[in-house]
Amino acid sequence: MEKKIKGVTHPVPTEYTDRIYHKGKTVFVGKTHLGRVKKGDKFIIYESHGAKAYTGWAEIIQVVKMKPAEILDKYKDQLMITEEEFKEYSKGRSQMNVIEFENFQLFSKKVVPKRFVGIGGKYIYDDEFKMIEKSRG
């Protein structure tokens, strides 16, 4: 039986997670395209510094590849990184991965993943999703 994808996670440094939690930022930009998620699946925040745990999630609106200039035009005020940070991060890239999300929820308990979340992120399958759902408080 094929395992069902329920979401995707990427490591997000603590300084950027604060922008999601407290400044309402709703767009993640990454270098890796994990496009097998769909609208309504979860974007799960893995706080890569400090907590080293899943600390919240949101519903995915869309996951798309876009050119850096298009990303800035469309999402400038929603990006979890500043325009300067984005320009540095996107240097030399013809396309980047965009995850647009909504309805962010901060977990009352941090959830430590069973396995390390690498820089490229990973899919969250049924079993891990259920563990997160049960443990998040």
N, C-alpha and C. Protein backbone atom coordinates (compact mmCIF):
# COMPACT_ATOMS: atom_id res chain seq x y z
N MET A 1 0.84 -1.19 0.00
CA MET A 1 0.00 0.00 0.00
C MET A 1 0.89 1.26 0.00
N GLU A 2 0.55 2.18 -0.87
CA GLU A 2 1.33 3.41 -0.96
C GLU A 2 1.03 4.31 0.22
N LYS A 3 2.09 4.87 0.80
CA LYS A 3 1.91 5.79 1.93
C LYS A 3 1.36 7.11 1.40
N LYS A 4 0.44 7.69 2.14
CA LYS A 4 -0.20 8.92 1.72
C LYS A 4 0.55 10.14 2.26
N ILE A 5 0.84 11.07 1.37
CA ILE A 5 1.48 12.33 1.76
C ILE A 5 0.40 13.24 2.35
N LYS A 6 0.69 13.76 3.55
CA LYS A 6 -0.25 14.65 4.23
C LYS A 6 0.28 16.08 4.34
N GLY A 7 1.57 16.23 4.04
CA GLY A 7 2.15 17.56 4.13
C GLY A 7 3.61 17.55 3.77
N VAL A 8 4.23 18.69 4.00
CA VAL A 8 5.64 18.87 3.69
C VAL A 8 6.25 19.72 4.80
N THR A 9 7.52 19.49 5.08
CA THR A 9 8.21 20.31 6.06
C THR A 9 9.55 20.76 5.50
N HIS A 10 9.97 21.91 5.94
CA HIS A 10 11.29 22.44 5.61
C HIS A 10 11.87 23.04 6.88
N PRO A 11 13.19 22.97 7.04
CA PRO A 11 13.80 23.63 8.19
C PRO A 11 13.72 25.15 8.02
N VAL A 12 13.27 25.82 9.06
CA VAL A 12 13.15 27.27 9.04
C VAL A 12 13.88 27.82 10.27
N PRO A 13 14.91 28.67 10.07
CA PRO A 13 15.61 29.24 11.22
C PRO A 13 14.65 30.01 12.13
N THR A 14 14.92 29.98 13.42
CA THR A 14 14.05 30.60 14.43
C THR A 14 13.73 32.06 14.13
N GLU A 15 14.72 32.82 13.64
CA GLU A 15 14.45 34.24 13.36
C GLU A 15 13.35 34.40 12.30
N TYR A 16 13.24 33.43 11.39
CA TYR A 16 12.20 33.51 10.36
C TYR A 16 10.87 32.96 10.87
N THR A 17 10.91 31.96 11.75
CA THR A 17 9.65 31.44 12.29
C THR A 17 8.94 32.52 13.08
N ASP A 18 9.69 33.37 13.76
CA ASP A 18 9.07 34.48 14.49
C ASP A 18 8.25 35.38 13.56
N ARG A 19 8.71 35.51 12.32
CA ARG A 19 7.99 36.35 11.36
C ARG A 19 6.65 35.71 10.95
N ILE A 20 6.61 34.38 10.96
CA ILE A 20 5.34 33.68 10.69
C ILE A 20 4.44 33.84 11.91
N TYR A 21 5.00 33.56 13.09
CA TYR A 21 4.21 33.55 14.32
C TYR A 21 3.67 34.93 14.68
N HIS A 22 4.49 35.98 14.50
CA HIS A 22 4.14 37.28 15.04
C HIS A 22 3.90 38.38 14.00
N LYS A 23 4.30 38.13 12.76
CA LYS A 23 4.15 39.18 11.74
C LYS A 23 3.25 38.74 10.58
N GLY A 24 2.66 37.56 10.69
CA GLY A 24 1.70 37.11 9.69
C GLY A 24 2.25 36.80 8.32
N LYS A 25 3.54 36.44 8.23
CA LYS A 25 4.13 36.10 6.92
C LYS A 25 3.59 34.73 6.47
N THR A 26 3.25 34.61 5.19
CA THR A 26 2.56 33.41 4.70
C THR A 26 3.18 32.78 3.46
N VAL A 27 4.44 33.12 3.16
CA VAL A 27 5.08 32.53 1.99
C VAL A 27 6.50 32.07 2.34
N PHE A 28 6.76 30.78 2.09
CA PHE A 28 8.08 30.18 2.27
C PHE A 28 8.69 30.02 0.89
N VAL A 29 9.97 30.34 0.76
CA VAL A 29 10.69 30.15 -0.49
C VAL A 29 11.88 29.24 -0.21
N GLY A 30 12.03 28.22 -1.04
CA GLY A 30 13.13 27.29 -0.88
C GLY A 30 13.77 26.94 -2.21
N LYS A 31 14.86 26.21 -2.10
CA LYS A 31 15.59 25.81 -3.31
C LYS A 31 15.13 24.44 -3.81
N THR A 32 14.49 23.66 -2.95
CA THR A 32 14.05 22.31 -3.32
C THR A 32 12.56 22.31 -3.60
N HIS A 33 12.15 21.64 -4.67
CA HIS A 33 10.73 21.57 -5.03
C HIS A 33 10.14 20.24 -4.59
N LEU A 34 9.32 20.30 -3.55
CA LEU A 34 8.58 19.11 -3.11
C LEU A 34 7.13 19.36 -3.51
N GLY A 35 6.82 19.08 -4.75
CA GLY A 35 5.55 19.49 -5.33
C GLY A 35 4.43 18.47 -5.28
N ARG A 36 4.62 17.37 -4.56
CA ARG A 36 3.57 16.34 -4.54
C ARG A 36 2.52 16.59 -3.45
N VAL A 37 2.51 17.78 -2.89
CA VAL A 37 1.46 18.13 -1.94
C VAL A 37 0.39 18.92 -2.69
N LYS A 38 -0.77 19.00 -2.09
CA LYS A 38 -1.86 19.71 -2.75
C LYS A 38 -2.50 20.71 -1.80
N LYS A 39 -3.34 21.55 -2.36
CA LYS A 39 -4.08 22.55 -1.57
C LYS A 39 -4.77 21.84 -0.41
N GLY A 40 -4.60 22.40 0.80
CA GLY A 40 -5.24 21.80 1.97
C GLY A 40 -4.32 20.89 2.77
N ASP A 41 -3.24 20.37 2.14
CA ASP A 41 -2.25 19.60 2.91
C ASP A 41 -1.56 20.58 3.86
N LYS A 42 -0.75 20.06 4.77
CA LYS A 42 -0.12 20.92 5.77
C LYS A 42 1.32 21.28 5.40
N PHE A 43 1.66 22.53 5.66
CA PHE A 43 3.05 22.98 5.64
C PHE A 43 3.44 23.01 7.11
N ILE A 44 4.34 22.11 7.48
CA ILE A 44 4.71 21.95 8.88
C ILE A 44 6.06 22.64 9.12
N ILE A 45 6.06 23.56 10.07
CA ILE A 45 7.26 24.33 10.35
C ILE A 45 8.20 23.52 11.24
N TYR A 46 9.39 23.24 10.73
CA TYR A 46 10.45 22.62 11.53
C TYR A 46 11.41 23.74 11.90
N GLU A 47 11.44 24.10 13.17
CA GLU A 47 12.32 25.17 13.64
C GLU A 47 13.73 24.59 13.78
N SER A 48 14.61 25.01 12.87
CA SER A 48 15.91 24.34 12.75
C SER A 48 16.96 24.82 13.76
N HIS A 49 16.77 25.98 14.35
CA HIS A 49 17.67 26.43 15.41
C HIS A 49 16.83 26.50 16.68
N GLY A 50 17.44 26.44 17.81
CA GLY A 50 16.66 26.53 19.05
C GLY A 50 15.85 25.27 19.30
N ALA A 51 14.58 25.28 18.93
CA ALA A 51 13.66 24.18 19.25
C ALA A 51 14.08 22.84 18.64
N LYS A 52 14.58 22.84 17.41
CA LYS A 52 14.86 21.61 16.66
C LYS A 52 13.66 20.67 16.72
N ALA A 53 12.50 21.26 16.41
CA ALA A 53 11.24 20.51 16.50
C ALA A 53 10.21 21.16 15.59
N TYR A 54 9.12 20.41 15.36
CA TYR A 54 7.98 20.99 14.67
C TYR A 54 7.29 21.90 15.66
N THR A 55 7.01 23.14 15.25
CA THR A 55 6.44 24.10 16.20
C THR A 55 5.09 24.66 15.75
N GLY A 56 4.68 24.33 14.52
CA GLY A 56 3.39 24.81 14.05
C GLY A 56 3.12 24.32 12.64
N TRP A 57 1.89 24.57 12.18
CA TRP A 57 1.57 24.20 10.81
C TRP A 57 0.52 25.12 10.24
N ALA A 58 0.36 25.03 8.92
CA ALA A 58 -0.61 25.84 8.20
C ALA A 58 -1.12 25.03 7.01
N GLU A 59 -2.23 25.48 6.44
CA GLU A 59 -2.78 24.82 5.26
C GLU A 59 -2.10 25.38 4.02
N ILE A 60 -1.71 24.48 3.14
CA ILE A 60 -1.07 24.88 1.89
C ILE A 60 -2.13 25.42 0.93
N ILE A 61 -1.86 26.58 0.37
CA ILE A 61 -2.70 27.14 -0.68
C ILE A 61 -2.18 26.62 -2.02
N GLN A 62 -0.86 26.74 -2.20
CA GLN A 62 -0.24 26.22 -3.42
C GLN A 62 1.26 26.05 -3.24
N VAL A 63 1.82 25.14 -4.06
CA VAL A 63 3.27 24.95 -4.15
C VAL A 63 3.61 25.09 -5.62
N VAL A 64 4.44 26.08 -5.95
CA VAL A 64 4.78 26.35 -7.34
C VAL A 64 6.25 26.69 -7.49
N LYS A 65 6.74 26.54 -8.72
CA LYS A 65 8.08 27.01 -9.07
C LYS A 65 7.91 28.35 -9.76
N MET A 66 8.75 29.30 -9.39
CA MET A 66 8.67 30.63 -10.01
C MET A 66 10.07 31.23 -10.16
N LYS A 67 10.19 32.17 -11.06
CA LYS A 67 11.43 32.93 -11.19
C LYS A 67 11.54 33.89 -10.01
N PRO A 68 12.76 34.12 -9.51
CA PRO A 68 12.93 35.03 -8.37
C PRO A 68 12.27 36.40 -8.54
N ALA A 69 12.38 37.00 -9.73
CA ALA A 69 11.78 38.33 -9.94
C ALA A 69 10.25 38.27 -9.80
N GLU A 70 9.65 37.19 -10.29
CA GLU A 70 8.19 37.01 -10.17
C GLU A 70 7.79 36.83 -8.71
N ILE A 71 8.61 36.10 -7.96
CA ILE A 71 8.32 35.87 -6.54
C ILE A 71 8.29 37.22 -5.80
N LEU A 72 9.30 38.05 -6.05
CA LEU A 72 9.34 39.36 -5.39
C LEU A 72 8.15 40.23 -5.79
N ASP A 73 7.81 40.23 -7.08
CA ASP A 73 6.67 41.02 -7.55
C ASP A 73 5.38 40.59 -6.86
N LYS A 74 5.16 39.30 -6.79
CA LYS A 74 3.89 38.78 -6.29
C LYS A 74 3.80 38.71 -4.76
N TYR A 75 4.91 38.34 -4.10
CA TYR A 75 4.85 38.01 -2.67
C TYR A 75 5.69 38.87 -1.73
N LYS A 76 6.28 39.93 -2.25
CA LYS A 76 7.25 40.72 -1.47
C LYS A 76 6.86 40.91 0.01
N ASP A 77 5.62 41.35 0.27
CA ASP A 77 5.21 41.63 1.65
C ASP A 77 4.80 40.40 2.44
N GLN A 78 4.63 39.27 1.76
CA GLN A 78 4.22 38.04 2.44
C GLN A 78 5.41 37.11 2.74
N LEU A 79 6.56 37.35 2.11
CA LEU A 79 7.73 36.49 2.29
C LEU A 79 8.20 36.49 3.74
N MET A 80 8.62 35.31 4.21
CA MET A 80 9.14 35.25 5.58
C MET A 80 10.58 35.74 5.67
N ILE A 81 11.18 36.06 4.53
CA ILE A 81 12.51 36.68 4.55
C ILE A 81 12.39 38.07 3.93
N THR A 82 13.29 38.95 4.28
CA THR A 82 13.25 40.32 3.75
C THR A 82 13.67 40.31 2.29
N GLU A 83 13.43 41.41 1.60
CA GLU A 83 13.81 41.52 0.20
C GLU A 83 15.32 41.32 0.03
N GLU A 84 16.11 41.91 0.93
CA GLU A 84 17.58 41.77 0.85
C GLU A 84 17.99 40.31 1.07
N GLU A 85 17.39 39.66 2.07
CA GLU A 85 17.69 38.25 2.34
C GLU A 85 17.31 37.38 1.14
N PHE A 86 16.18 37.70 0.54
CA PHE A 86 15.72 36.94 -0.63
C PHE A 86 16.68 37.09 -1.79
N LYS A 87 17.11 38.32 -2.05
CA LYS A 87 18.04 38.56 -3.17
C LYS A 87 19.33 37.77 -2.99
N GLU A 88 19.83 37.72 -1.77
CA GLU A 88 21.05 36.95 -1.47
C GLU A 88 20.78 35.44 -1.64
N TYR A 89 19.68 34.97 -1.09
CA TYR A 89 19.33 33.54 -1.11
C TYR A 89 19.06 33.03 -2.53
N SER A 90 18.51 33.89 -3.39
CA SER A 90 18.10 33.45 -4.72
C SER A 90 19.16 33.67 -5.80
N LYS A 91 20.32 34.20 -5.41
CA LYS A 91 21.40 34.48 -6.37
C LYS A 91 21.70 33.26 -7.24
N GLY A 92 21.75 33.47 -8.54
CA GLY A 92 22.13 32.41 -9.47
C GLY A 92 21.03 31.37 -9.73
N ARG A 93 19.85 31.57 -9.22
CA ARG A 93 18.76 30.61 -9.39
C ARG A 93 17.81 31.10 -10.48
N SER A 94 17.47 30.20 -11.41
CA SER A 94 16.50 30.59 -12.44
C SER A 94 15.08 30.41 -11.91
N GLN A 95 14.89 29.42 -11.02
CA GLN A 95 13.58 29.19 -10.42
C GLN A 95 13.74 28.80 -8.96
N MET A 96 12.70 29.09 -8.19
CA MET A 96 12.70 28.68 -6.78
C MET A 96 11.33 28.12 -6.44
N ASN A 97 11.28 27.39 -5.35
CA ASN A 97 10.05 26.79 -4.89
C ASN A 97 9.32 27.74 -3.94
N VAL A 98 8.02 27.90 -4.15
CA VAL A 98 7.21 28.78 -3.32
C VAL A 98 6.11 27.94 -2.66
N ILE A 99 6.00 28.07 -1.34
CA ILE A 99 4.88 27.46 -0.63
C ILE A 99 4.08 28.60 -0.03
N GLU A 100 2.87 28.76 -0.53
CA GLU A 100 1.97 29.78 0.01
C GLU A 100 1.00 29.08 0.95
N PHE A 101 0.80 29.64 2.14
CA PHE A 101 -0.02 28.96 3.14
C PHE A 101 -0.92 29.95 3.88
N GLU A 102 -1.88 29.39 4.62
CA GLU A 102 -2.83 30.21 5.39
C GLU A 102 -3.23 29.47 6.66
N ASN A 103 -3.91 30.17 7.55
CA ASN A 103 -4.43 29.58 8.79
C ASN A 103 -3.33 28.94 9.64
N PHE A 104 -2.24 29.67 9.86
CA PHE A 104 -1.14 29.14 10.66
C PHE A 104 -1.58 28.90 12.10
N GLN A 105 -1.15 27.77 12.67
CA GLN A 105 -1.41 27.46 14.08
C GLN A 105 -0.09 27.11 14.75
N LEU A 106 0.20 27.80 15.85
CA LEU A 106 1.37 27.50 16.65
C LEU A 106 1.01 26.36 17.60
N PHE A 107 1.86 25.34 17.69
CA PHE A 107 1.59 24.21 18.58
C PHE A 107 1.78 24.64 20.04
N SER A 108 1.01 24.07 20.94
CA SER A 108 1.23 24.36 22.36
C SER A 108 2.40 23.52 22.90
N LYS A 109 2.70 22.40 22.21
CA LYS A 109 3.88 21.59 22.58
C LYS A 109 4.73 21.39 21.33
N LYS A 110 6.04 21.49 21.51
CA LYS A 110 6.95 21.22 20.40
C LYS A 110 6.96 19.72 20.13
N VAL A 111 7.06 19.34 18.87
CA VAL A 111 7.07 17.92 18.50
C VAL A 111 8.40 17.60 17.83
N VAL A 112 9.19 16.76 18.49
CA VAL A 112 10.50 16.39 17.95
C VAL A 112 10.32 15.28 16.91
N PRO A 113 10.84 15.48 15.70
CA PRO A 113 10.67 14.45 14.66
C PRO A 113 11.48 13.19 14.98
N LYS A 114 11.00 12.06 14.47
CA LYS A 114 11.72 10.79 14.65
C LYS A 114 13.05 10.82 13.91
N ARG A 115 13.03 11.45 12.72
CA ARG A 115 14.24 11.54 11.91
C ARG A 115 14.58 12.99 11.63
N PHE A 116 15.85 13.24 11.46
CA PHE A 116 16.38 14.57 11.14
C PHE A 116 15.70 15.14 9.89
N VAL A 117 15.42 16.43 9.90
CA VAL A 117 14.87 17.10 8.72
C VAL A 117 16.03 17.82 8.03
N GLY A 118 16.42 17.32 6.87
CA GLY A 118 17.55 17.89 6.13
C GLY A 118 17.20 19.21 5.48
N ILE A 119 18.20 19.87 4.98
CA ILE A 119 18.06 21.20 4.38
C ILE A 119 17.05 21.22 3.23
N GLY A 120 16.91 20.10 2.52
CA GLY A 120 15.99 20.05 1.39
C GLY A 120 14.54 19.82 1.77
N GLY A 121 14.28 19.63 3.08
CA GLY A 121 12.92 19.37 3.52
C GLY A 121 12.52 17.93 3.27
N LYS A 122 11.26 17.60 3.59
CA LYS A 122 10.78 16.24 3.35
C LYS A 122 9.26 16.22 3.37
N TYR A 123 8.74 15.16 2.77
CA TYR A 123 7.30 14.93 2.82
C TYR A 123 6.93 14.37 4.19
N ILE A 124 5.74 14.68 4.63
CA ILE A 124 5.20 14.12 5.86
C ILE A 124 4.12 13.13 5.45
N TYR A 125 4.34 11.86 5.79
CA TYR A 125 3.39 10.80 5.45
C TYR A 125 2.44 10.57 6.62
N ASP A 126 1.36 9.84 6.33
CA ASP A 126 0.31 9.51 7.30
C ASP A 126 0.79 9.23 8.72
N ASP A 127 1.73 8.29 8.86
CA ASP A 127 2.17 7.86 10.19
C ASP A 127 2.78 9.02 10.99
N GLU A 128 3.68 9.77 10.37
CA GLU A 128 4.30 10.89 11.08
C GLU A 128 3.28 12.01 11.32
N PHE A 129 2.40 12.20 10.37
CA PHE A 129 1.36 13.22 10.52
C PHE A 129 0.49 12.94 11.75
N LYS A 130 0.11 11.68 11.91
CA LYS A 130 -0.72 11.30 13.07
C LYS A 130 0.05 11.53 14.37
N MET A 131 1.35 11.22 14.38
CA MET A 131 2.18 11.44 15.56
C MET A 131 2.24 12.95 15.89
N ILE A 132 2.42 13.78 14.89
CA ILE A 132 2.47 15.23 15.10
C ILE A 132 1.12 15.73 15.64
N GLU A 133 0.06 15.28 15.00
CA GLU A 133 -1.28 15.70 15.38
C GLU A 133 -1.58 15.36 16.85
N LYS A 134 -1.15 14.16 17.25
CA LYS A 134 -1.40 13.69 18.62
C LYS A 134 -0.53 14.43 19.65
N SER A 135 0.70 14.77 19.27
CA SER A 135 1.69 15.31 20.21
C SER A 135 1.72 16.83 20.32
N ARG A 136 1.02 17.53 19.44
CA ARG A 136 1.19 18.99 19.34
C ARG A 136 0.51 19.78 20.46
N GLY A 137 -0.29 19.09 21.28
CA GLY A 137 -0.93 19.74 22.42
C GLY A 137 -2.22 20.46 22.05
